[in-house]
Amino acid sequence: MTHPSVPYAGIATRAVALAVDAALANAIVLTGGGVLALVGSLVGDMQLDTLGKVVAAAAWVVVVGTYFVLFWSTTGQTPGMRLMHVEVRTALGARVGVPRAIVRVVGLGLAIIPLFLGFVPVFLDSRRRGLHDFLAATVVCYADLETHDEVVAVIGATELVPEEVVGQAVSLPTPRPSA
C-alpha cells in the first residue's frame, strides 16, 4: 500500500466519516425514542409537553455525545472513521482519553453550530485541524495498518521539529540492548 503524502486526514474524508457517524448516532436515538413511544402508546395517551421536549433534546445530546466520547476514548475511531481509515490521536500520537474526548465533542458542536465554520481551519492548518482539534489538542490521521507506527512517529515528531520537516519520513533510533 502506498504511503499518504500527508499523514493527516483532509476535509472530505472527515466529512464522510462525520456523516456516517451522525447517521448512526441518530439511528440509535430514533430507535430508543421509537421504543419509548411504543411503550407510551401502550400504557396510555402520552404527549410531550415543553418539559418532555426539553428532556428529549437533552437525551439526544447525551446519547450522541456518549457515542463519540465512547469510541474516541476506547478505540480512537468511530465506525465512520474506521470506514474511512482514519483515527483521532493527541498531538503527540497517543490515544485520546475521556476528558480530551469530552472537550473534543463539545468543540465539535461549536464547530458545527455556525454553519460548519469551525472546520475552515482544516484548509489552512498544516496538520489539518479543525476548531475541535485545536481545543482538545488532537489530530486526525490515516490509520493504515502498515504505516501506523510511522504515522504515529511523524505525528509525535511534529511537536519537536521545524514545520518544513513535518510530514517527511522519520527514522527513530532503535534501542540498544543493555549489557
Protein backbone atom coordinates (compact mmCIF):
# COMPACT_ATOMS: atom_id res chain seq x y z
CA MET A 1 0.00 0.00 0.00
CA THR A 2 1.27 3.48 -0.78
CA HIS A 3 2.15 5.89 1.96
CA PRO A 4 -0.01 9.02 2.19
CA SER A 5 1.98 12.16 1.38
CA VAL A 6 0.48 13.81 4.46
CA PRO A 7 -0.47 11.64 7.44
CA TYR A 8 -3.40 13.90 8.38
CA ALA A 9 -6.93 13.33 7.08
CA GLY A 10 -8.44 16.03 4.90
CA ILE A 11 -11.85 17.67 4.94
CA ALA A 12 -13.58 15.26 2.52
CA THR A 13 -12.52 12.15 4.42
CA ARG A 14 -13.52 13.70 7.72
CA ALA A 15 -16.86 14.92 6.33
CA VAL A 16 -17.83 11.45 5.10
CA ALA A 17 -16.83 9.92 8.45
CA LEU A 18 -18.85 12.55 10.34
CA ALA A 19 -21.89 11.99 8.11
CA VAL A 20 -21.78 8.23 8.72
CA ASP A 21 -21.39 8.76 12.46
CA ALA A 22 -24.20 11.30 12.59
CA ALA A 23 -26.49 8.84 10.79
CA LEU A 24 -25.56 6.01 13.16
CA ALA A 25 -25.88 8.11 16.32
CA ASN A 26 -29.25 9.48 15.21
CA ALA A 27 -30.43 5.97 14.33
CA ILE A 28 -29.64 4.95 17.91
CA VAL A 29 -31.60 7.93 19.27
CA LEU A 30 -34.54 7.34 16.94
CA THR A 31 -34.67 3.64 17.78
CA GLY A 32 -34.66 4.41 21.51
CA GLY A 33 -37.28 7.12 21.06
CA GLY A 34 -39.43 4.78 18.97
CA VAL A 35 -39.32 2.10 21.65
CA LEU A 36 -40.27 4.64 24.32
CA ALA A 37 -43.11 5.98 22.14
CA LEU A 38 -44.40 2.47 21.58
CA VAL A 39 -44.37 1.73 25.30
CA GLY A 40 -46.04 5.08 25.97
CA SER A 41 -48.79 4.40 23.44
CA LEU A 42 -49.46 1.00 25.01
CA VAL A 43 -49.69 2.47 28.50
CA GLY A 44 -51.94 5.37 27.61
CA ASP A 45 -52.27 8.55 25.59
CA MET A 46 -48.90 10.23 26.06
CA GLN A 47 -48.00 13.61 24.61
CA LEU A 48 -44.85 15.63 25.09
CA ASP A 49 -45.27 18.99 26.76
CA THR A 50 -42.50 21.57 26.85
CA LEU A 51 -40.63 19.80 29.65
CA GLY A 52 -40.87 16.50 27.77
CA LYS A 53 -39.40 18.10 24.65
CA VAL A 54 -36.52 19.57 26.68
CA VAL A 55 -35.85 16.16 28.25
CA ALA A 56 -35.92 14.52 24.80
CA ALA A 57 -33.46 17.09 23.43
CA ALA A 58 -31.16 16.58 26.44
CA ALA A 59 -31.35 12.81 25.92
CA TRP A 60 -30.35 13.31 22.28
CA VAL A 61 -27.31 15.38 23.33
CA VAL A 62 -26.29 12.77 25.90
CA VAL A 63 -26.64 9.81 23.52
CA VAL A 64 -24.83 11.47 20.61
CA GLY A 65 -22.10 12.84 22.90
CA THR A 66 -21.64 9.44 24.55
CA TYR A 67 -21.38 7.80 21.11
CA PHE A 68 -18.42 9.97 20.11
CA VAL A 69 -16.70 10.02 23.52
CA LEU A 70 -17.00 6.25 23.91
CA PHE A 71 -15.49 5.46 20.52
CA TRP A 72 -12.77 8.13 20.58
CA SER A 73 -11.59 7.21 24.07
CA THR A 74 -11.63 3.42 23.60
CA THR A 75 -10.60 2.67 20.01
CA GLY A 76 -9.52 6.08 18.73
CA GLN A 77 -12.04 5.95 15.92
CA THR A 78 -15.77 5.91 15.42
CA PRO A 79 -17.40 3.48 12.95
CA GLY A 80 -17.41 6.25 10.32
CA MET A 81 -13.74 6.94 10.94
CA ARG A 82 -12.99 3.20 10.69
CA LEU A 83 -14.82 3.11 7.35
CA MET A 84 -12.63 5.98 6.11
CA HIS A 85 -9.44 4.51 7.66
CA VAL A 86 -8.70 7.45 9.94
CA GLU A 87 -8.27 7.81 13.69
CA VAL A 88 -8.01 10.57 16.26
CA ARG A 89 -4.85 10.95 18.34
CA THR A 90 -3.34 13.53 20.64
CA ALA A 91 -0.90 15.95 19.04
CA LEU A 92 1.90 13.68 20.29
CA GLY A 93 0.40 10.50 18.83
CA ALA A 94 -1.12 8.98 21.99
CA ARG A 95 -4.66 7.67 22.44
CA VAL A 96 -7.35 10.18 23.36
CA GLY A 97 -8.64 9.84 26.93
CA VAL A 98 -12.17 10.53 28.17
CA PRO A 99 -11.56 14.15 29.31
CA ARG A 100 -9.96 15.08 25.98
CA ALA A 101 -12.76 13.27 24.09
CA ILE A 102 -15.36 15.29 26.03
CA VAL A 103 -13.58 18.55 25.15
CA ARG A 104 -13.41 17.39 21.53
CA VAL A 105 -17.14 16.56 21.31
CA VAL A 106 -18.06 19.95 22.82
CA GLY A 107 -15.67 21.57 20.33
CA LEU A 108 -17.28 19.57 17.51
CA GLY A 109 -20.65 21.04 18.45
CA LEU A 110 -19.14 24.53 18.50
CA ALA A 111 -17.53 23.88 15.10
CA ILE A 112 -20.84 22.76 13.58
CA ILE A 113 -23.18 25.40 15.01
CA PRO A 114 -22.00 28.42 12.99
CA LEU A 115 -22.65 26.79 9.58
CA PHE A 116 -19.66 24.42 9.95
CA LEU A 117 -17.24 27.37 10.08
CA GLY A 118 -15.23 25.57 12.76
CA PHE A 119 -13.93 23.31 10.00
CA VAL A 120 -12.39 26.16 7.95
CA PRO A 121 -9.01 25.81 9.76
CA VAL A 122 -8.70 22.30 8.25
CA PHE A 123 -7.98 24.04 4.93
CA LEU A 124 -5.36 26.34 6.46
CA ASP A 125 -3.54 24.31 9.12
CA SER A 126 -0.56 22.14 8.15
CA ARG A 127 -1.90 19.35 10.38
CA ARG A 128 -5.47 19.80 9.05
CA ARG A 129 -7.01 20.54 12.45
CA GLY A 130 -10.47 21.99 13.00
CA LEU A 131 -11.69 24.04 15.95
CA HIS A 132 -12.44 20.90 17.96
CA ASP A 133 -8.92 19.59 17.29
CA PHE A 134 -7.36 22.85 18.49
CA LEU A 135 -9.46 22.84 21.66
CA ALA A 136 -8.65 19.21 22.51
CA ALA A 137 -5.07 19.21 21.15
CA THR A 138 -5.83 16.33 18.77
CA VAL A 139 -5.16 15.40 15.15
CA VAL A 140 -6.99 13.08 12.76
CA CYS A 141 -4.56 10.87 10.87
CA TYR A 142 -4.77 7.95 8.49
CA ALA A 143 -4.95 4.61 10.30
CA ASP A 144 -3.29 2.40 7.70
CA LEU A 145 -2.13 -0.74 9.49
CA GLU A 146 1.10 -0.95 7.51
CA THR A 147 2.13 2.65 8.17
CA HIS A 148 0.53 3.09 11.60
CA ASP A 149 3.83 3.20 13.54
CA GLU A 150 5.37 5.57 11.01
CA VAL A 151 2.35 7.90 11.15
CA VAL A 152 2.46 7.99 14.94
CA ALA A 153 6.21 8.71 14.75
CA VAL A 154 5.57 11.59 12.32
CA ILE A 155 2.73 12.95 14.47
CA GLY A 156 4.88 12.77 17.59
CA ALA A 157 7.74 14.43 15.76
CA THR A 158 5.64 17.38 14.58
CA GLU A 159 5.77 18.94 18.03
CA LEU A 160 9.56 18.64 18.14
CA VAL A 161 10.78 19.57 14.66
CA PRO A 162 10.50 22.65 12.44
CA GLU A 163 7.45 22.98 10.16
CA GLU A 164 9.47 22.38 6.95
CA VAL A 165 10.35 18.86 8.14
CA VAL A 166 6.80 17.88 9.19
CA GLY A 167 5.34 15.12 7.04
CA GLN A 168 8.68 13.71 5.94
CA ALA A 169 9.72 10.21 6.90
CA VAL A 170 11.14 9.98 10.38
CA SER A 171 13.52 7.23 11.39
CA LEU A 172 13.61 6.56 15.07
CA PRO A 173 16.75 5.21 16.70
CA THR A 174 16.48 1.58 17.69
CA PRO A 175 17.11 0.91 21.36
CA ARG A 176 20.33 -0.90 22.14
CA PRO A 177 20.20 -3.90 24.42
CA SER A 178 21.64 -3.22 27.83
CA ALA A 179 24.71 -5.18 28.81
